[in-house]
Amino acid sequence: MIKRRLSTKDIILIGMLAALCAIATTLKVPLPTGAMVHLGTAAIFIIGIAFGGVYAGISGAIGSAFFDLLMGFSPYTAWSFVIKGVAGLIVGIIAKGLWPEGGYSGSGWLGKALFGCVLAAAWTLGGYILAWWQVLGSLAVALGNIPASLLTSGVGMIVALLLSPKIRQIVNRQM
């Protein structure tokens, strides 16, 4: 494991990736349950697979919370910060390691990426069930949002696993 501090370059890239998470989350399809299917999860998964846990955790936390704050979902801001931050950390550590220049290479990365995405999706589902229950005051409504959460994570996994091979190549060359 590489131990290091965040550099100015890291902070700039994380900021740009956080903005990408917020923008990707705006690409959404609202569902009748009040939940939505969006590409923010795909962005977090891609960042984790390509850049590692530190970048995905911080950018996922900031980008998702920023989206909630700006788009009228403020009761979920703190929840999203923690849930999506940890989800990014999970997928990133499993798929790439902590840092962009560390981590795993070779043919086994795809299995690690898929496993990381599945664990991150499970964490996200559990976290948002608690968030919906607390914010909406109804466990039944919270449980009713499970299909939307699973659909968002499923779409995120498909998009991430399709785009990540090329993005990983670019990131590995640049970092």
N, C-alpha and C. Protein backbone atom coordinates (compact mmCIF):
# COMPACT_ATOMS: atom_id res chain seq x y z
N MET A 1 0.85 -1.18 0.00
CA MET A 1 0.00 0.00 0.00
C MET A 1 0.89 1.24 0.00
N ILE A 2 0.57 2.19 -0.86
CA ILE A 2 1.31 3.44 -0.95
C ILE A 2 0.78 4.40 0.12
N LYS A 3 1.70 4.94 0.92
CA LYS A 3 1.31 5.95 1.90
C LYS A 3 1.83 7.29 1.40
N ARG A 4 0.92 8.23 1.26
CA ARG A 4 1.31 9.57 0.83
C ARG A 4 0.23 10.56 1.17
N ARG A 5 0.55 11.82 1.03
CA ARG A 5 -0.41 12.89 1.29
C ARG A 5 -1.03 13.35 -0.02
N LEU A 6 -2.15 14.06 0.11
CA LEU A 6 -2.77 14.64 -1.07
C LEU A 6 -1.91 15.79 -1.58
N SER A 7 -1.60 15.76 -2.86
CA SER A 7 -0.85 16.85 -3.48
C SER A 7 -1.83 17.87 -4.06
N THR A 8 -1.30 18.97 -4.54
CA THR A 8 -2.14 19.96 -5.22
C THR A 8 -2.81 19.34 -6.44
N LYS A 9 -2.07 18.53 -7.17
CA LYS A 9 -2.62 17.84 -8.35
C LYS A 9 -3.79 16.93 -7.93
N ASP A 10 -3.62 16.19 -6.82
CA ASP A 10 -4.69 15.33 -6.33
C ASP A 10 -5.94 16.15 -6.02
N ILE A 11 -5.77 17.24 -5.32
CA ILE A 11 -6.91 18.07 -4.91
C ILE A 11 -7.64 18.63 -6.13
N ILE A 12 -6.89 19.06 -7.13
CA ILE A 12 -7.50 19.59 -8.35
C ILE A 12 -8.28 18.49 -9.08
N LEU A 13 -7.66 17.32 -9.22
CA LEU A 13 -8.35 16.21 -9.91
C LEU A 13 -9.58 15.76 -9.13
N ILE A 14 -9.48 15.66 -7.82
CA ILE A 14 -10.63 15.27 -7.01
C ILE A 14 -11.76 16.28 -7.16
N GLY A 15 -11.43 17.57 -7.18
CA GLY A 15 -12.45 18.60 -7.39
C GLY A 15 -13.15 18.45 -8.73
N MET A 16 -12.36 18.19 -9.77
CA MET A 16 -12.96 18.01 -11.10
C MET A 16 -13.81 16.75 -11.14
N LEU A 17 -13.36 15.69 -10.50
CA LEU A 17 -14.12 14.45 -10.47
C LEU A 17 -15.39 14.59 -9.63
N ALA A 18 -15.33 15.39 -8.56
CA ALA A 18 -16.53 15.67 -7.76
C ALA A 18 -17.57 16.40 -8.62
N ALA A 19 -17.11 17.35 -9.41
CA ALA A 19 -18.02 18.05 -10.32
C ALA A 19 -18.61 17.08 -11.34
N LEU A 20 -17.80 16.16 -11.82
CA LEU A 20 -18.29 15.15 -12.76
C LEU A 20 -19.37 14.28 -12.11
N CYS A 21 -19.18 13.91 -10.85
CA CYS A 21 -20.21 13.13 -10.12
C CYS A 21 -21.51 13.91 -10.01
N ALA A 22 -21.41 15.19 -9.66
CA ALA A 22 -22.61 16.01 -9.53
C ALA A 22 -23.33 16.14 -10.87
N ILE A 23 -22.57 16.38 -11.93
CA ILE A 23 -23.17 16.52 -13.26
C ILE A 23 -23.78 15.20 -13.72
N ALA A 24 -23.08 14.09 -13.50
CA ALA A 24 -23.60 12.78 -13.91
C ALA A 24 -24.89 12.46 -13.16
N THR A 25 -25.00 12.91 -11.93
CA THR A 25 -26.22 12.65 -11.16
C THR A 25 -27.40 13.44 -11.72
N THR A 26 -27.14 14.55 -12.40
CA THR A 26 -28.24 15.31 -13.01
C THR A 26 -28.82 14.59 -14.21
N LEU A 27 -28.08 13.62 -14.76
CA LEU A 27 -28.58 12.82 -15.88
C LEU A 27 -29.41 11.69 -15.28
N LYS A 28 -30.70 11.99 -15.09
CA LYS A 28 -31.54 11.08 -14.30
C LYS A 28 -32.91 10.90 -14.93
N VAL A 29 -33.54 9.81 -14.50
CA VAL A 29 -34.92 9.52 -14.85
C VAL A 29 -35.68 9.40 -13.54
N PRO A 30 -36.58 10.35 -13.23
CA PRO A 30 -37.36 10.25 -11.99
C PRO A 30 -38.36 9.10 -12.07
N LEU A 31 -38.55 8.46 -10.94
CA LEU A 31 -39.50 7.35 -10.87
C LEU A 31 -40.71 7.75 -10.02
N PRO A 32 -41.85 7.10 -10.21
CA PRO A 32 -43.07 7.47 -9.48
C PRO A 32 -42.93 7.35 -7.95
N THR A 33 -41.98 6.55 -7.48
CA THR A 33 -41.80 6.37 -6.03
C THR A 33 -41.12 7.57 -5.38
N GLY A 34 -40.62 8.49 -6.18
CA GLY A 34 -39.86 9.62 -5.65
C GLY A 34 -38.37 9.39 -5.77
N ALA A 35 -37.97 8.17 -6.05
CA ALA A 35 -36.56 7.86 -6.27
C ALA A 35 -36.22 8.19 -7.72
N MET A 36 -34.96 7.99 -8.09
CA MET A 36 -34.55 8.26 -9.46
C MET A 36 -33.43 7.32 -9.87
N VAL A 37 -33.33 7.08 -11.16
CA VAL A 37 -32.22 6.35 -11.73
C VAL A 37 -31.32 7.40 -12.37
N HIS A 38 -30.04 7.38 -12.03
CA HIS A 38 -29.11 8.42 -12.52
C HIS A 38 -27.75 7.82 -12.82
N LEU A 39 -26.88 8.62 -13.44
CA LEU A 39 -25.54 8.16 -13.80
C LEU A 39 -24.47 8.55 -12.79
N GLY A 40 -24.86 9.14 -11.67
CA GLY A 40 -23.88 9.49 -10.63
C GLY A 40 -23.18 8.27 -10.07
N THR A 41 -23.92 7.18 -9.93
CA THR A 41 -23.30 5.95 -9.43
C THR A 41 -22.28 5.42 -10.42
N ALA A 42 -22.58 5.50 -11.71
CA ALA A 42 -21.62 5.08 -12.73
C ALA A 42 -20.34 5.90 -12.62
N ALA A 43 -20.49 7.20 -12.40
CA ALA A 43 -19.31 8.06 -12.27
C ALA A 43 -18.46 7.64 -11.08
N ILE A 44 -19.09 7.38 -9.94
CA ILE A 44 -18.34 6.96 -8.75
C ILE A 44 -17.64 5.63 -9.01
N PHE A 45 -18.33 4.68 -9.64
CA PHE A 45 -17.72 3.38 -9.94
C PHE A 45 -16.53 3.55 -10.88
N ILE A 46 -16.67 4.37 -11.92
CA ILE A 46 -15.57 4.59 -12.87
C ILE A 46 -14.39 5.22 -12.17
N ILE A 47 -14.64 6.22 -11.34
CA ILE A 47 -13.55 6.89 -10.62
C ILE A 47 -12.85 5.89 -9.70
N GLY A 48 -13.61 5.06 -9.00
CA GLY A 48 -13.00 4.06 -8.14
C GLY A 48 -12.14 3.07 -8.91
N ILE A 49 -12.65 2.59 -10.03
CA ILE A 49 -11.92 1.61 -10.83
C ILE A 49 -10.67 2.22 -11.45
N ALA A 50 -10.75 3.47 -11.88
CA ALA A 50 -9.63 4.10 -12.58
C ALA A 50 -8.66 4.83 -11.66
N PHE A 51 -9.16 5.45 -10.59
CA PHE A 51 -8.32 6.31 -9.75
C PHE A 51 -8.08 5.76 -8.35
N GLY A 52 -8.87 4.81 -7.89
CA GLY A 52 -8.67 4.25 -6.56
C GLY A 52 -9.60 4.84 -5.52
N GLY A 53 -9.46 4.32 -4.31
CA GLY A 53 -10.38 4.62 -3.22
C GLY A 53 -10.35 6.04 -2.70
N VAL A 54 -9.18 6.65 -2.62
CA VAL A 54 -9.11 8.01 -2.09
C VAL A 54 -9.85 8.97 -3.01
N TYR A 55 -9.54 8.92 -4.29
CA TYR A 55 -10.20 9.82 -5.25
C TYR A 55 -11.70 9.55 -5.30
N ALA A 56 -12.10 8.27 -5.38
CA ALA A 56 -13.53 7.94 -5.51
C ALA A 56 -14.29 8.28 -4.23
N GLY A 57 -13.68 8.03 -3.09
CA GLY A 57 -14.35 8.34 -1.83
C GLY A 57 -14.60 9.82 -1.64
N ILE A 58 -13.56 10.61 -1.85
CA ILE A 58 -13.70 12.05 -1.63
C ILE A 58 -14.57 12.69 -2.71
N SER A 59 -14.31 12.36 -3.98
CA SER A 59 -15.10 12.98 -5.05
C SER A 59 -16.54 12.50 -5.03
N GLY A 60 -16.78 11.25 -4.71
CA GLY A 60 -18.15 10.75 -4.60
C GLY A 60 -18.92 11.42 -3.48
N ALA A 61 -18.25 11.60 -2.34
CA ALA A 61 -18.90 12.26 -1.20
C ALA A 61 -19.25 13.71 -1.54
N ILE A 62 -18.29 14.45 -2.05
CA ILE A 62 -18.50 15.86 -2.35
C ILE A 62 -19.49 16.04 -3.49
N GLY A 63 -19.31 15.30 -4.58
CA GLY A 63 -20.18 15.46 -5.74
C GLY A 63 -21.62 15.09 -5.46
N SER A 64 -21.84 14.00 -4.75
CA SER A 64 -23.21 13.58 -4.44
C SER A 64 -23.89 14.54 -3.47
N ALA A 65 -23.15 14.96 -2.45
CA ALA A 65 -23.71 15.91 -1.49
C ALA A 65 -24.00 17.26 -2.16
N PHE A 66 -23.10 17.69 -3.03
CA PHE A 66 -23.29 18.95 -3.75
C PHE A 66 -24.54 18.88 -4.63
N PHE A 67 -24.74 17.75 -5.31
CA PHE A 67 -25.96 17.58 -6.11
C PHE A 67 -27.20 17.72 -5.23
N ASP A 68 -27.22 16.99 -4.12
CA ASP A 68 -28.39 17.04 -3.23
C ASP A 68 -28.66 18.45 -2.74
N LEU A 69 -27.61 19.15 -2.36
CA LEU A 69 -27.75 20.50 -1.83
C LEU A 69 -28.29 21.46 -2.89
N LEU A 70 -27.77 21.36 -4.10
CA LEU A 70 -28.16 22.30 -5.16
C LEU A 70 -29.49 21.97 -5.82
N MET A 71 -29.86 20.70 -5.83
CA MET A 71 -31.03 20.29 -6.60
C MET A 71 -32.28 20.05 -5.75
N GLY A 72 -32.26 20.51 -4.52
CA GLY A 72 -33.46 20.44 -3.71
C GLY A 72 -33.64 19.17 -2.89
N PHE A 73 -32.60 18.41 -2.74
CA PHE A 73 -32.66 17.19 -1.94
C PHE A 73 -31.86 17.38 -0.64
N SER A 74 -31.91 18.58 -0.08
CA SER A 74 -31.06 18.90 1.07
C SER A 74 -31.23 17.98 2.28
N PRO A 75 -32.39 17.38 2.52
CA PRO A 75 -32.45 16.45 3.66
C PRO A 75 -31.52 15.24 3.50
N TYR A 76 -31.11 14.97 2.26
CA TYR A 76 -30.24 13.82 1.99
C TYR A 76 -28.77 14.20 1.88
N THR A 77 -28.41 15.47 2.00
CA THR A 77 -27.04 15.90 1.76
C THR A 77 -26.03 15.17 2.63
N ALA A 78 -26.23 15.16 3.93
CA ALA A 78 -25.28 14.49 4.83
C ALA A 78 -25.29 12.98 4.59
N TRP A 79 -26.48 12.44 4.36
CA TRP A 79 -26.57 11.01 4.08
C TRP A 79 -25.77 10.65 2.83
N SER A 80 -25.96 11.41 1.76
CA SER A 80 -25.25 11.13 0.51
C SER A 80 -23.75 11.29 0.67
N PHE A 81 -23.34 12.29 1.44
CA PHE A 81 -21.91 12.51 1.66
C PHE A 81 -21.28 11.23 2.23
N VAL A 82 -21.90 10.66 3.24
CA VAL A 82 -21.35 9.46 3.88
C VAL A 82 -21.56 8.22 3.00
N ILE A 83 -22.78 8.02 2.52
CA ILE A 83 -23.08 6.80 1.77
C ILE A 83 -22.26 6.72 0.50
N LYS A 84 -22.27 7.77 -0.30
CA LYS A 84 -21.55 7.74 -1.57
C LYS A 84 -20.04 7.82 -1.38
N GLY A 85 -19.60 8.52 -0.33
CA GLY A 85 -18.17 8.56 -0.03
C GLY A 85 -17.63 7.18 0.31
N VAL A 86 -18.33 6.48 1.17
CA VAL A 86 -17.90 5.12 1.54
C VAL A 86 -18.03 4.18 0.34
N ALA A 87 -19.07 4.33 -0.46
CA ALA A 87 -19.24 3.49 -1.66
C ALA A 87 -18.05 3.67 -2.60
N GLY A 88 -17.64 4.91 -2.82
CA GLY A 88 -16.48 5.17 -3.67
C GLY A 88 -15.21 4.56 -3.09
N LEU A 89 -15.05 4.68 -1.79
CA LEU A 89 -13.89 4.10 -1.12
C LEU A 89 -13.89 2.58 -1.29
N ILE A 90 -15.04 1.96 -1.12
CA ILE A 90 -15.15 0.49 -1.25
C ILE A 90 -14.75 0.04 -2.66
N VAL A 91 -15.41 0.59 -3.67
CA VAL A 91 -15.12 0.15 -5.03
C VAL A 91 -13.68 0.47 -5.41
N GLY A 92 -13.20 1.63 -4.99
CA GLY A 92 -11.84 2.02 -5.34
C GLY A 92 -10.78 1.14 -4.72
N ILE A 93 -10.90 0.87 -3.42
CA ILE A 93 -9.90 0.03 -2.76
C ILE A 93 -9.89 -1.37 -3.34
N ILE A 94 -11.05 -1.93 -3.60
CA ILE A 94 -11.11 -3.29 -4.12
C ILE A 94 -10.63 -3.35 -5.57
N ALA A 95 -11.04 -2.39 -6.39
CA ALA A 95 -10.73 -2.44 -7.83
C ALA A 95 -9.34 -1.92 -8.17
N LYS A 96 -8.84 -0.94 -7.42
CA LYS A 96 -7.58 -0.28 -7.82
C LYS A 96 -6.58 -0.14 -6.68
N GLY A 97 -7.06 -0.03 -5.47
CA GLY A 97 -6.19 0.31 -4.34
C GLY A 97 -6.54 1.71 -3.87
N LEU A 98 -5.72 2.28 -3.02
CA LEU A 98 -6.01 3.61 -2.50
C LEU A 98 -5.73 4.72 -3.51
N TRP A 99 -4.62 4.63 -4.23
CA TRP A 99 -4.15 5.73 -5.06
C TRP A 99 -4.12 5.35 -6.54
N PRO A 100 -4.16 6.34 -7.43
CA PRO A 100 -4.15 6.06 -8.86
C PRO A 100 -2.90 5.31 -9.33
N GLU A 101 -1.75 5.63 -8.76
CA GLU A 101 -0.52 5.02 -9.24
C GLU A 101 -0.24 3.66 -8.61
N GLY A 102 -1.02 3.27 -7.65
CA GLY A 102 -0.84 1.96 -7.03
C GLY A 102 -1.79 0.96 -7.63
N GLY A 103 -2.04 -0.04 -6.89
CA GLY A 103 -3.14 -0.92 -7.23
C GLY A 103 -2.80 -2.06 -8.14
N TYR A 104 -3.83 -2.60 -8.72
CA TYR A 104 -3.77 -3.87 -9.41
C TYR A 104 -3.77 -3.63 -10.91
N SER A 105 -3.05 -4.48 -11.60
CA SER A 105 -3.07 -4.43 -13.06
C SER A 105 -3.20 -5.85 -13.57
N GLY A 106 -3.24 -6.01 -14.86
CA GLY A 106 -3.35 -7.35 -15.42
C GLY A 106 -4.80 -7.73 -15.64
N SER A 107 -5.01 -9.00 -15.90
CA SER A 107 -6.33 -9.48 -16.30
C SER A 107 -7.31 -9.61 -15.14
N GLY A 108 -6.85 -9.65 -13.91
CA GLY A 108 -7.74 -9.84 -12.78
C GLY A 108 -8.50 -8.61 -12.34
N TRP A 109 -8.23 -7.46 -12.95
CA TRP A 109 -8.86 -6.21 -12.48
C TRP A 109 -10.37 -6.23 -12.69
N LEU A 110 -10.85 -6.89 -13.74
CA LEU A 110 -12.28 -6.87 -14.03
C LEU A 110 -13.09 -7.57 -12.93
N GLY A 111 -12.63 -8.69 -12.46
CA GLY A 111 -13.31 -9.39 -11.37
C GLY A 111 -13.30 -8.56 -10.09
N LYS A 112 -12.16 -7.93 -9.82
CA LYS A 112 -12.08 -7.06 -8.64
C LYS A 112 -13.01 -5.86 -8.78
N ALA A 113 -13.07 -5.30 -9.97
CA ALA A 113 -13.95 -4.15 -10.21
C ALA A 113 -15.42 -4.54 -10.02
N LEU A 114 -15.80 -5.67 -10.57
CA LEU A 114 -17.18 -6.13 -10.43
C LEU A 114 -17.51 -6.40 -8.96
N PHE A 115 -16.62 -7.06 -8.25
CA PHE A 115 -16.83 -7.34 -6.83
C PHE A 115 -16.93 -6.04 -6.03
N GLY A 116 -16.06 -5.08 -6.33
CA GLY A 116 -16.11 -3.79 -5.65
C GLY A 116 -17.41 -3.06 -5.90
N CYS A 117 -17.87 -3.09 -7.15
CA CYS A 117 -19.14 -2.44 -7.49
C CYS A 117 -20.32 -3.09 -6.77
N VAL A 118 -20.32 -4.41 -6.70
CA VAL A 118 -21.41 -5.12 -6.02
C VAL A 118 -21.42 -4.78 -4.53
N LEU A 119 -20.25 -4.79 -3.89
CA LEU A 119 -20.19 -4.43 -2.46
C LEU A 119 -20.60 -2.97 -2.23
N ALA A 120 -20.14 -2.08 -3.10
CA ALA A 120 -20.51 -0.67 -2.97
C ALA A 120 -22.01 -0.48 -3.17
N ALA A 121 -22.60 -1.23 -4.11
CA ALA A 121 -24.04 -1.16 -4.35
C ALA A 121 -24.82 -1.66 -3.12
N ALA A 122 -24.33 -2.72 -2.50
CA ALA A 122 -24.99 -3.25 -1.30
C ALA A 122 -24.92 -2.23 -0.16
N TRP A 123 -23.75 -1.60 0.02
CA TRP A 123 -23.60 -0.55 1.03
C TRP A 123 -24.55 0.60 0.75
N THR A 124 -24.60 1.03 -0.51
CA THR A 124 -25.46 2.15 -0.91
C THR A 124 -26.93 1.82 -0.63
N LEU A 125 -27.34 0.62 -0.98
CA LEU A 125 -28.73 0.22 -0.75
C LEU A 125 -29.06 0.27 0.74
N GLY A 126 -28.22 -0.33 1.56
CA GLY A 126 -28.46 -0.30 3.00
C GLY A 126 -28.47 1.11 3.57
N GLY A 127 -27.53 1.92 3.12
CA GLY A 127 -27.45 3.30 3.59
C GLY A 127 -28.66 4.12 3.21
N TYR A 128 -29.11 3.98 1.97
CA TYR A 128 -30.26 4.77 1.55
C TYR A 128 -31.58 4.25 2.11
N ILE A 129 -31.67 2.97 2.42
CA ILE A 129 -32.88 2.50 3.12
C ILE A 129 -32.99 3.23 4.45
N LEU A 130 -31.88 3.34 5.18
CA LEU A 130 -31.89 4.10 6.45
C LEU A 130 -32.21 5.57 6.21
N ALA A 131 -31.59 6.15 5.17
CA ALA A 131 -31.82 7.57 4.88
C ALA A 131 -33.28 7.83 4.52
N TRP A 132 -33.84 7.02 3.63
CA TRP A 132 -35.24 7.21 3.24
C TRP A 132 -36.17 7.04 4.45
N TRP A 133 -35.87 6.05 5.27
CA TRP A 133 -36.69 5.81 6.45
C TRP A 133 -36.67 7.01 7.38
N GLN A 134 -35.48 7.57 7.60
CA GLN A 134 -35.36 8.73 8.49
C GLN A 134 -35.98 9.98 7.88
N VAL A 135 -35.72 10.24 6.63
CA VAL A 135 -36.19 11.47 5.99
C VAL A 135 -37.69 11.41 5.71
N LEU A 136 -38.16 10.28 5.21
CA LEU A 136 -39.56 10.16 4.83
C LEU A 136 -40.45 9.68 5.97
N GLY A 137 -39.85 9.10 7.00
CA GLY A 137 -40.60 8.66 8.17
C GLY A 137 -41.39 7.38 7.98
N SER A 138 -41.06 6.62 6.93
CA SER A 138 -41.82 5.41 6.66
C SER A 138 -40.88 4.31 6.15
N LEU A 139 -40.82 3.23 6.89
CA LEU A 139 -40.02 2.09 6.44
C LEU A 139 -40.61 1.48 5.17
N ALA A 140 -41.93 1.47 5.05
CA ALA A 140 -42.58 0.90 3.86
C ALA A 140 -42.18 1.68 2.60
N VAL A 141 -42.18 2.99 2.70
CA VAL A 141 -41.77 3.82 1.55
C VAL A 141 -40.29 3.59 1.25
N ALA A 142 -39.48 3.51 2.29
CA ALA A 142 -38.05 3.26 2.11
C ALA A 142 -37.83 1.94 1.38
N LEU A 143 -38.52 0.90 1.80
CA LEU A 143 -38.38 -0.40 1.15
C LEU A 143 -38.92 -0.38 -0.27
N GLY A 144 -39.89 0.47 -0.53
CA GLY A 144 -40.43 0.62 -1.88
C GLY A 144 -39.44 1.22 -2.87
N ASN A 145 -38.40 1.88 -2.36
CA ASN A 145 -37.38 2.47 -3.22
C ASN A 145 -36.25 1.51 -3.57
N ILE A 146 -36.29 0.29 -3.03
CA ILE A 146 -35.23 -0.68 -3.29
C ILE A 146 -35.05 -0.95 -4.79
N PRO A 147 -36.12 -1.19 -5.56
CA PRO A 147 -35.91 -1.45 -6.99
C PRO A 147 -35.19 -0.31 -7.71
N ALA A 148 -35.51 0.92 -7.38
CA ALA A 148 -34.84 2.06 -8.02
C ALA A 148 -33.36 2.09 -7.67
N SER A 149 -33.03 1.80 -6.42
CA SER A 149 -31.64 1.78 -6.01
C SER A 149 -30.88 0.67 -6.73
N LEU A 150 -31.48 -0.48 -6.81
CA LEU A 150 -30.84 -1.60 -7.51
C LEU A 150 -30.67 -1.31 -9.00
N LEU A 151 -31.67 -0.67 -9.59
CA LEU A 151 -31.59 -0.31 -11.01
C LEU A 151 -30.48 0.71 -11.25
N THR A 152 -30.39 1.72 -10.39
CA THR A 152 -29.33 2.72 -10.51
C THR A 152 -27.96 2.07 -10.39
N SER A 153 -27.80 1.21 -9.41
CA SER A 153 -26.51 0.53 -9.23
C SER A 153 -26.21 -0.40 -10.39
N GLY A 154 -27.22 -1.09 -10.88
CA GLY A 154 -27.02 -1.99 -12.02
C GLY A 154 -26.60 -1.24 -13.28
N VAL A 155 -27.29 -0.14 -13.56
CA VAL A 155 -26.91 0.69 -14.71
C VAL A 155 -25.49 1.25 -14.49
N GLY A 156 -25.21 1.68 -13.27
CA GLY A 156 -23.87 2.19 -12.95
C GLY A 156 -22.79 1.16 -13.19
N MET A 157 -23.04 -0.08 -12.79
CA MET A 157 -22.06 -1.15 -13.00
C MET A 157 -21.82 -1.41 -14.48
N ILE A 158 -22.90 -1.49 -15.24
CA ILE A 158 -22.77 -1.76 -16.68
C ILE A 158 -21.97 -0.65 -17.36
N VAL A 159 -22.34 0.60 -17.10
CA VAL A 159 -21.64 1.73 -17.71
C VAL A 159 -20.17 1.74 -17.28
N ALA A 160 -19.93 1.54 -15.99
CA ALA A 160 -18.56 1.58 -15.47
C ALA A 160 -17.71 0.46 -16.06
N LEU A 161 -18.24 -0.73 -16.12
CA LEU A 161 -17.44 -1.85 -16.63
C LEU A 161 -17.20 -1.75 -18.13
N LEU A 162 -18.10 -1.05 -18.84
CA LEU A 162 -17.87 -0.84 -20.28
C LEU A 162 -16.83 0.26 -20.54
N LEU A 163 -16.87 1.33 -19.75
CA LEU A 163 -15.98 2.47 -20.00
C LEU A 163 -14.63 2.37 -19.28
N SER A 164 -14.58 1.63 -18.21
CA SER A 164 -13.37 1.61 -17.37
C SER A 164 -12.10 1.08 -18.03
N PRO A 165 -12.16 0.07 -18.90
CA PRO A 165 -10.89 -0.40 -19.47
C PRO A 165 -10.09 0.71 -20.16
N LYS A 166 -10.74 1.50 -20.98
CA LYS A 166 -10.03 2.58 -21.68
C LYS A 166 -9.61 3.68 -20.72
N ILE A 167 -10.50 4.03 -19.80
CA ILE A 167 -10.17 5.09 -18.84
C ILE A 167 -9.01 4.67 -17.96
N ARG A 168 -8.99 3.39 -17.54
CA ARG A 168 -7.86 2.88 -16.74
C ARG A 168 -6.55 3.02 -17.50
N GLN A 169 -6.56 2.70 -18.80
CA GLN A 169 -5.34 2.82 -19.60
C GLN A 169 -4.84 4.26 -19.62
N ILE A 170 -5.74 5.19 -19.82
CA ILE A 170 -5.36 6.61 -19.87
C ILE A 170 -4.82 7.06 -18.51
N VAL A 171 -5.52 6.73 -17.44
CA VAL A 171 -5.10 7.14 -16.10
C VAL A 171 -3.75 6.51 -15.75
N ASN A 172 -3.58 5.23 -16.06
CA ASN A 172 -2.32 4.55 -15.74
C ASN A 172 -1.14 5.16 -16.50
N ARG A 173 -1.36 5.64 -17.72
CA ARG A 173 -0.30 6.30 -18.48
C ARG A 173 0.04 7.67 -17.91
N GLN A 174 -0.99 8.40 -17.43
CA GLN A 174 -0.81 9.78 -16.97
C GLN A 174 -0.31 9.89 -15.54
N MET A 175 -0.62 8.92 -14.71
CA MET A 175 -0.29 9.03 -13.28
C MET A 175 1.04 8.40 -13.06
